[in-house]
Amino acid sequence: MLPVIHKINRLPILIAQGSNDILTPDYIHRNVMNHLKNAQLVEVKESGHWTVLEQPEQIRLLTESFLKTSH
């Protein structure tokens, strides 16, 4: 991914990471966020890897908010 990261960095990115995912939000913060300059990391509490299935209402609200503010 790193060779083309400059293309991705042109886009607003929302990362909704489950608090109980094997790749924790802290891991994502330390190892991914420094490569994604336009990314916003949000921890989804009481969720694992499948945040959309485990916390659908929270994901809907996060997505709506992100879309309203990421012009």
PDB file of N, CA and C in Angstrom:
ATOM      1  N   MET A   1       0.814  -1.191   0.000  1.00  0.00           N
ATOM      2  CA  MET A   1       0.000   0.000   0.000  1.00  0.00           C
ATOM      3  C   MET A   1       0.863   1.264   0.000  1.00  0.00           C
ATOM      4  N   LEU A   2       2.000   1.230   0.618  1.00  0.00           N
ATOM      5  CA  LEU A   2       2.813   2.434   0.743  1.00  0.00           C
ATOM      6  C   LEU A   2       3.235   3.062  -0.587  1.00  0.00           C
ATOM      7  N   PRO A   3       3.516   2.288  -1.635  1.00  0.00           N
ATOM      8  CA  PRO A   3       3.896   2.933  -2.899  1.00  0.00           C
ATOM      9  C   PRO A   3       2.800   3.822  -3.501  1.00  0.00           C
ATOM     10  N   VAL A   4       1.549   3.572  -3.164  1.00  0.00           N
ATOM     11  CA  VAL A   4       0.455   4.379  -3.729  1.00  0.00           C
ATOM     12  C   VAL A   4      -0.283   5.189  -2.659  1.00  0.00           C
ATOM     13  N   ILE A   5       0.304   5.310  -1.498  1.00  0.00           N
ATOM     14  CA  ILE A   5      -0.354   6.016  -0.395  1.00  0.00           C
ATOM     15  C   ILE A   5      -0.666   7.470  -0.746  1.00  0.00           C
ATOM     16  N   HIS A   6       0.123   8.093  -1.604  1.00  0.00           N
ATOM     17  CA  HIS A   6      -0.123   9.482  -1.985  1.00  0.00           C
ATOM     18  C   HIS A   6      -1.483   9.625  -2.670  1.00  0.00           C
ATOM     19  N   LYS A   7      -1.952   8.612  -3.357  1.00  0.00           N
ATOM     20  CA  LYS A   7      -3.264   8.661  -4.000  1.00  0.00           C
ATOM     21  C   LYS A   7      -4.379   8.560  -2.960  1.00  0.00           C
ATOM     22  N   ILE A   8      -4.191   7.720  -1.992  1.00  0.00           N
ATOM     23  CA  ILE A   8      -5.192   7.546  -0.934  1.00  0.00           C
ATOM     24  C   ILE A   8      -5.261   8.790  -0.059  1.00  0.00           C
ATOM     25  N   ASN A   9      -4.132   9.420   0.191  1.00  0.00           N
ATOM     26  CA  ASN A   9      -4.092  10.581   1.083  1.00  0.00           C
ATOM     27  C   ASN A   9      -4.839  11.788   0.537  1.00  0.00           C
ATOM     28  N   ARG A  10      -5.262  11.738  -0.686  1.00  0.00           N
ATOM     29  CA  ARG A  10      -6.070  12.822  -1.244  1.00  0.00           C
ATOM     30  C   ARG A  10      -7.529  12.711  -0.815  1.00  0.00           C
ATOM     31  N   LEU A  11      -7.912  11.576  -0.264  1.00  0.00           N
ATOM     32  CA  LEU A  11      -9.299  11.323   0.098  1.00  0.00           C
ATOM     33  C   LEU A  11      -9.509  11.422   1.599  1.00  0.00           C
ATOM     34  N   PRO A  12     -10.664  11.918   2.039  1.00  0.00           N
ATOM     35  CA  PRO A  12     -10.986  11.841   3.463  1.00  0.00           C
ATOM     36  C   PRO A  12     -11.296  10.384   3.812  1.00  0.00           C
ATOM     37  N   ILE A  13     -10.774   9.933   4.938  1.00  0.00           N
ATOM     38  CA  ILE A  13     -10.914   8.526   5.331  1.00  0.00           C
ATOM     39  C   ILE A  13     -11.417   8.460   6.762  1.00  0.00           C
ATOM     40  N   LEU A  14     -12.414   7.618   6.996  1.00  0.00           N
ATOM     41  CA  LEU A  14     -12.899   7.330   8.339  1.00  0.00           C
ATOM     42  C   LEU A  14     -12.553   5.892   8.658  1.00  0.00           C
ATOM     43  N   ILE A  15     -11.847   5.694   9.750  1.00  0.00           N
ATOM     44  CA  ILE A  15     -11.546   4.351  10.237  1.00  0.00           C
ATOM     45  C   ILE A  15     -12.317   4.171  11.537  1.00  0.00           C
ATOM     46  N   ALA A  16     -13.307   3.300  11.508  1.00  0.00           N
ATOM     47  CA  ALA A  16     -14.110   2.989  12.692  1.00  0.00           C
ATOM     48  C   ALA A  16     -13.647   1.629  13.183  1.00  0.00           C
ATOM     49  N   GLN A  17     -12.799   1.635  14.183  1.00  0.00           N
ATOM     50  CA  GLN A  17     -12.130   0.424  14.646  1.00  0.00           C
ATOM     51  C   GLN A  17     -12.752  -0.056  15.950  1.00  0.00           C
ATOM     52  N   GLY A  18     -13.162  -1.326  15.972  1.00  0.00           N
ATOM     53  CA  GLY A  18     -13.760  -1.904  17.171  1.00  0.00           C
ATOM     54  C   GLY A  18     -12.783  -1.981  18.326  1.00  0.00           C
ATOM     55  N   SER A  19     -13.269  -1.654  19.517  1.00  0.00           N
ATOM     56  CA  SER A  19     -12.412  -1.669  20.703  1.00  0.00           C
ATOM     57  C   SER A  19     -11.889  -3.068  21.012  1.00  0.00           C
ATOM     58  N   ASN A  20     -12.613  -4.098  20.586  1.00  0.00           N
ATOM     59  CA  ASN A  20     -12.205  -5.476  20.856  1.00  0.00           C
ATOM     60  C   ASN A  20     -11.645  -6.184  19.626  1.00  0.00           C
ATOM     61  N   ASP A  21     -11.359  -5.445  18.571  1.00  0.00           N
ATOM     62  CA  ASP A  21     -10.759  -6.044  17.376  1.00  0.00           C
ATOM     63  C   ASP A  21      -9.354  -6.510  17.720  1.00  0.00           C
ATOM     64  N   ILE A  22      -8.893  -7.550  17.035  1.00  0.00           N
ATOM     65  CA  ILE A  22      -7.527  -8.025  17.254  1.00  0.00           C
ATOM     66  C   ILE A  22      -6.510  -6.932  16.930  1.00  0.00           C
ATOM     67  N   LEU A  23      -6.828  -6.090  15.932  1.00  0.00           N
ATOM     68  CA  LEU A  23      -6.034  -4.886  15.665  1.00  0.00           C
ATOM     69  C   LEU A  23      -6.724  -3.742  16.392  1.00  0.00           C
ATOM     70  N   THR A  24      -6.292  -3.481  17.584  1.00  0.00           N
ATOM     71  CA  THR A  24      -6.944  -2.502  18.440  1.00  0.00           C
ATOM     72  C   THR A  24      -6.825  -1.088  17.872  1.00  0.00           C
ATOM     73  N   PRO A  25      -7.706  -0.190  18.308  1.00  0.00           N
ATOM     74  CA  PRO A  25      -7.565   1.202  17.898  1.00  0.00           C
ATOM     75  C   PRO A  25      -6.178   1.771  18.223  1.00  0.00           C
ATOM     76  N   ASP A  26      -5.611   1.377  19.333  1.00  0.00           N
ATOM     77  CA  ASP A  26      -4.260   1.832  19.685  1.00  0.00           C
ATOM     78  C   ASP A  26      -3.241   1.337  18.660  1.00  0.00           C
ATOM     79  N   TYR A  27      -3.372   0.100  18.235  1.00  0.00           N
ATOM     80  CA  TYR A  27      -2.473  -0.450  17.213  1.00  0.00           C
ATOM     81  C   TYR A  27      -2.611   0.342  15.910  1.00  0.00           C
ATOM     82  N   ILE A  28      -3.846   0.605  15.500  1.00  0.00           N
ATOM     83  CA  ILE A  28      -4.091   1.371  14.278  1.00  0.00           C
ATOM     84  C   ILE A  28      -3.493   2.765  14.412  1.00  0.00           C
ATOM     85  N   HIS A  29      -3.676   3.366  15.560  1.00  0.00           N
ATOM     86  CA  HIS A  29      -3.125   4.711  15.787  1.00  0.00           C
ATOM     87  C   HIS A  29      -1.606   4.710  15.629  1.00  0.00           C
ATOM     88  N   ARG A  30      -0.940   3.741  16.233  1.00  0.00           N
ATOM     89  CA  ARG A  30       0.525   3.692  16.201  1.00  0.00           C
ATOM     90  C   ARG A  30       1.093   3.280  14.855  1.00  0.00           C
ATOM     91  N   ASN A  31       0.397   2.398  14.119  1.00  0.00           N
ATOM     92  CA  ASN A  31       0.987   1.792  12.931  1.00  0.00           C
ATOM     93  C   ASN A  31       0.377   2.209  11.594  1.00  0.00           C
ATOM     94  N   VAL A  32      -0.751   2.864  11.626  1.00  0.00           N
ATOM     95  CA  VAL A  32      -1.417   3.208  10.373  1.00  0.00           C
ATOM     96  C   VAL A  32      -1.612   4.711  10.213  1.00  0.00           C
ATOM     97  N   MET A  33      -2.000   5.373  11.265  1.00  0.00           N
ATOM     98  CA  MET A  33      -2.414   6.773  11.162  1.00  0.00           C
ATOM     99  C   MET A  33      -1.308   7.699  10.662  1.00  0.00           C
ATOM    100  N   ASN A  34      -0.067   7.394  10.967  1.00  0.00           N
ATOM    101  CA  ASN A  34       1.021   8.264  10.489  1.00  0.00           C
ATOM    102  C   ASN A  34       1.187   8.185   8.969  1.00  0.00           C
ATOM    103  N   HIS A  35       0.610   7.165   8.337  1.00  0.00           N
ATOM    104  CA  HIS A  35       0.670   7.038   6.877  1.00  0.00           C
ATOM    105  C   HIS A  35      -0.544   7.646   6.182  1.00  0.00           C
ATOM    106  N   LEU A  36      -1.627   7.831   6.907  1.00  0.00           N
ATOM    107  CA  LEU A  36      -2.875   8.336   6.327  1.00  0.00           C
ATOM    108  C   LEU A  36      -3.167   9.728   6.874  1.00  0.00           C
ATOM    109  N   LYS A  37      -2.731  10.722   6.145  1.00  0.00           N
ATOM    110  CA  LYS A  37      -2.810  12.105   6.620  1.00  0.00           C
ATOM    111  C   LYS A  37      -4.237  12.648   6.704  1.00  0.00           C
ATOM    112  N   ASN A  38      -5.144  12.161   5.875  1.00  0.00           N
ATOM    113  CA  ASN A  38      -6.531  12.639   5.899  1.00  0.00           C
ATOM    114  C   ASN A  38      -7.471  11.682   6.619  1.00  0.00           C
ATOM    115  N   ALA A  39      -6.922  10.825   7.446  1.00  0.00           N
ATOM    116  CA  ALA A  39      -7.745   9.828   8.131  1.00  0.00           C
ATOM    117  C   ALA A  39      -8.159  10.288   9.520  1.00  0.00           C
ATOM    118  N   GLN A  40      -9.345   9.857   9.876  1.00  0.00           N
ATOM    119  CA  GLN A  40      -9.879  10.089  11.220  1.00  0.00           C
ATOM    120  C   GLN A  40     -10.146   8.707  11.815  1.00  0.00           C
ATOM    121  N   LEU A  41      -9.611   8.445  12.988  1.00  0.00           N
ATOM    122  CA  LEU A  41      -9.778   7.166  13.670  1.00  0.00           C
ATOM    123  C   LEU A  41     -10.789   7.332  14.795  1.00  0.00           C
ATOM    124  N   VAL A  42     -11.809   6.465  14.791  1.00  0.00           N
ATOM    125  CA  VAL A  42     -12.816   6.474  15.842  1.00  0.00           C
ATOM    126  C   VAL A  42     -12.905   5.072  16.432  1.00  0.00           C
ATOM    127  N   GLU A  43     -12.835   4.978  17.743  1.00  0.00           N
ATOM    128  CA  GLU A  43     -12.987   3.690  18.422  1.00  0.00           C
ATOM    129  C   GLU A  43     -14.470   3.400  18.602  1.00  0.00           C
ATOM    130  N   VAL A  44     -14.879   2.221  18.157  1.00  0.00           N
ATOM    131  CA  VAL A  44     -16.268   1.787  18.320  1.00  0.00           C
ATOM    132  C   VAL A  44     -16.305   0.859  19.521  1.00  0.00           C
ATOM    133  N   LYS A  45     -16.858   1.352  20.609  1.00  0.00           N
ATOM    134  CA  LYS A  45     -16.896   0.604  21.873  1.00  0.00           C
ATOM    135  C   LYS A  45     -17.767  -0.644  21.739  1.00  0.00           C
ATOM    136  N   GLU A  46     -17.412  -1.648  22.527  1.00  0.00           N
ATOM    137  CA  GLU A  46     -18.163  -2.902  22.594  1.00  0.00           C
ATOM    138  C   GLU A  46     -18.344  -3.535  21.222  1.00  0.00           C
ATOM    139  N   SER A  47     -17.281  -3.513  20.433  1.00  0.00           N
ATOM    140  CA  SER A  47     -17.324  -4.082  19.096  1.00  0.00           C
ATOM    141  C   SER A  47     -15.991  -4.735  18.793  1.00  0.00           C
ATOM    142  N   GLY A  48     -16.067  -5.766  17.962  1.00  0.00           N
ATOM    143  CA  GLY A  48     -14.857  -6.429  17.508  1.00  0.00           C
ATOM    144  C   GLY A  48     -14.532  -6.001  16.095  1.00  0.00           C
ATOM    145  N   HIS A  49     -14.334  -6.975  15.230  1.00  0.00           N
ATOM    146  CA  HIS A  49     -13.947  -6.692  13.851  1.00  0.00           C
ATOM    147  C   HIS A  49     -15.122  -6.235  12.987  1.00  0.00           C
ATOM    148  N   TRP A  50     -16.307  -6.714  13.262  1.00  0.00           N
ATOM    149  CA  TRP A  50     -17.477  -6.441  12.427  1.00  0.00           C
ATOM    150  C   TRP A  50     -18.303  -5.305  12.997  1.00  0.00           C
ATOM    151  N   THR A  51     -17.730  -4.127  13.033  1.00  0.00           N
ATOM    152  CA  THR A  51     -18.402  -2.974  13.644  1.00  0.00           C
ATOM    153  C   THR A  51     -19.762  -2.685  13.027  1.00  0.00           C
ATOM    154  N   VAL A  52     -19.893  -2.853  11.724  1.00  0.00           N
ATOM    155  CA  VAL A  52     -21.156  -2.561  11.036  1.00  0.00           C
ATOM    156  C   VAL A  52     -22.264  -3.500  11.512  1.00  0.00           C
ATOM    157  N   LEU A  53     -21.919  -4.740  11.788  1.00  0.00           N
ATOM    158  CA  LEU A  53     -22.908  -5.707  12.259  1.00  0.00           C
ATOM    159  C   LEU A  53     -23.137  -5.617  13.762  1.00  0.00           C
ATOM    160  N   GLU A  54     -22.093  -5.305  14.511  1.00  0.00           N
ATOM    161  CA  GLU A  54     -22.178  -5.294  15.968  1.00  0.00           C
ATOM    162  C   GLU A  54     -22.749  -3.990  16.526  1.00  0.00           C
ATOM    163  N   GLN A  55     -22.461  -2.874  15.872  1.00  0.00           N
ATOM    164  CA  GLN A  55     -22.921  -1.556  16.328  1.00  0.00           C
ATOM    165  C   GLN A  55     -23.477  -0.759  15.142  1.00  0.00           C
ATOM    166  N   PRO A  56     -24.527  -1.266  14.476  1.00  0.00           N
ATOM    167  CA  PRO A  56     -24.994  -0.609  13.246  1.00  0.00           C
ATOM    168  C   PRO A  56     -25.457   0.831  13.448  1.00  0.00           C
ATOM    169  N   GLU A  57     -26.109   1.124  14.540  1.00  0.00           N
ATOM    170  CA  GLU A  57     -26.597   2.492  14.767  1.00  0.00           C
ATOM    171  C   GLU A  57     -25.432   3.449  14.993  1.00  0.00           C
ATOM    172  N   GLN A  58     -24.457   3.023  15.772  1.00  0.00           N
ATOM    173  CA  GLN A  58     -23.287   3.868  16.007  1.00  0.00           C
ATOM    174  C   GLN A  58     -22.531   4.113  14.696  1.00  0.00           C
ATOM    175  N   ILE A  59     -22.393   3.084  13.869  1.00  0.00           N
ATOM    176  CA  ILE A  59     -21.709   3.240  12.582  1.00  0.00           C
ATOM    177  C   ILE A  59     -22.497   4.175  11.669  1.00  0.00           C
ATOM    178  N   ARG A  60     -23.814   4.052  11.676  1.00  0.00           N
ATOM    179  CA  ARG A  60     -24.639   4.947  10.860  1.00  0.00           C
ATOM    180  C   ARG A  60     -24.430   6.393  11.272  1.00  0.00           C
ATOM    181  N   LEU A  61     -24.456   6.656  12.562  1.00  0.00           N
ATOM    182  CA  LEU A  61     -24.258   8.023  13.057  1.00  0.00           C
ATOM    183  C   LEU A  61     -22.858   8.542  12.740  1.00  0.00           C
ATOM    184  N   LEU A  62     -21.845   7.709  12.929  1.00  0.00           N
ATOM    185  CA  LEU A  62     -20.469   8.100  12.601  1.00  0.00           C
ATOM    186  C   LEU A  62     -20.333   8.418  11.116  1.00  0.00           C
ATOM    187  N   THR A  63     -20.927   7.590  10.289  1.00  0.00           N
ATOM    188  CA  THR A  63     -20.847   7.783   8.842  1.00  0.00           C
ATOM    189  C   THR A  63     -21.548   9.064   8.420  1.00  0.00           C
ATOM    190  N   GLU A  64     -22.741   9.296   8.935  1.00  0.00           N
ATOM    191  CA  GLU A  64     -23.472  10.524   8.599  1.00  0.00           C
ATOM    192  C   GLU A  64     -22.675  11.756   9.002  1.00  0.00           C
ATOM    193  N   SER A  65     -22.148  11.737  10.202  1.00  0.00           N
ATOM    194  CA  SER A  65     -21.356  12.880  10.682  1.00  0.00           C
ATOM    195  C   SER A  65     -20.119  13.091   9.812  1.00  0.00           C
ATOM    196  N   PHE A  66     -19.432  12.008   9.484  1.00  0.00           N
ATOM    197  CA  PHE A  66     -18.230  12.087   8.665  1.00  0.00           C
ATOM    198  C   PHE A  66     -18.556  12.660   7.284  1.00  0.00           C
ATOM    199  N   LEU A  67     -19.635  12.180   6.679  1.00  0.00           N
ATOM    200  CA  LEU A  67     -19.996  12.663   5.340  1.00  0.00           C
ATOM    201  C   LEU A  67     -20.392  14.134   5.339  1.00  0.00           C
ATOM    202  N   LYS A  68     -20.972  14.600   6.423  1.00  0.00           N
ATOM    203  CA  LYS A  68     -21.364  16.009   6.508  1.00  0.00           C
ATOM    204  C   LYS A  68     -20.158  16.923   6.650  1.00  0.00           C
ATOM    205  N   THR A  69     -19.090  16.429   7.250  1.00  0.00           N
ATOM    206  CA  THR A  69     -17.946  17.287   7.550  1.00  0.00           C
ATOM    207  C   THR A  69     -16.741  17.071   6.637  1.00  0.00           C
ATOM    208  N   SER A  70     -16.795  16.094   5.757  1.00  0.00           N
ATOM    209  CA  SER A  70     -15.603  15.777   4.948  1.00  0.00           C
ATOM    210  C   SER A  70     -15.773  16.218   3.504  1.00  0.00           C
ATOM    211  N   HIS A  71     -15.869  17.502   3.301  1.00  0.00           N
ATOM    212  CA  HIS A  71     -16.025  18.020   1.939  1.00  0.00           C
ATOM    213  C   HIS A  71     -14.676  18.282   1.330  1.00  0.00           C
TER     214      HIS A  71
END
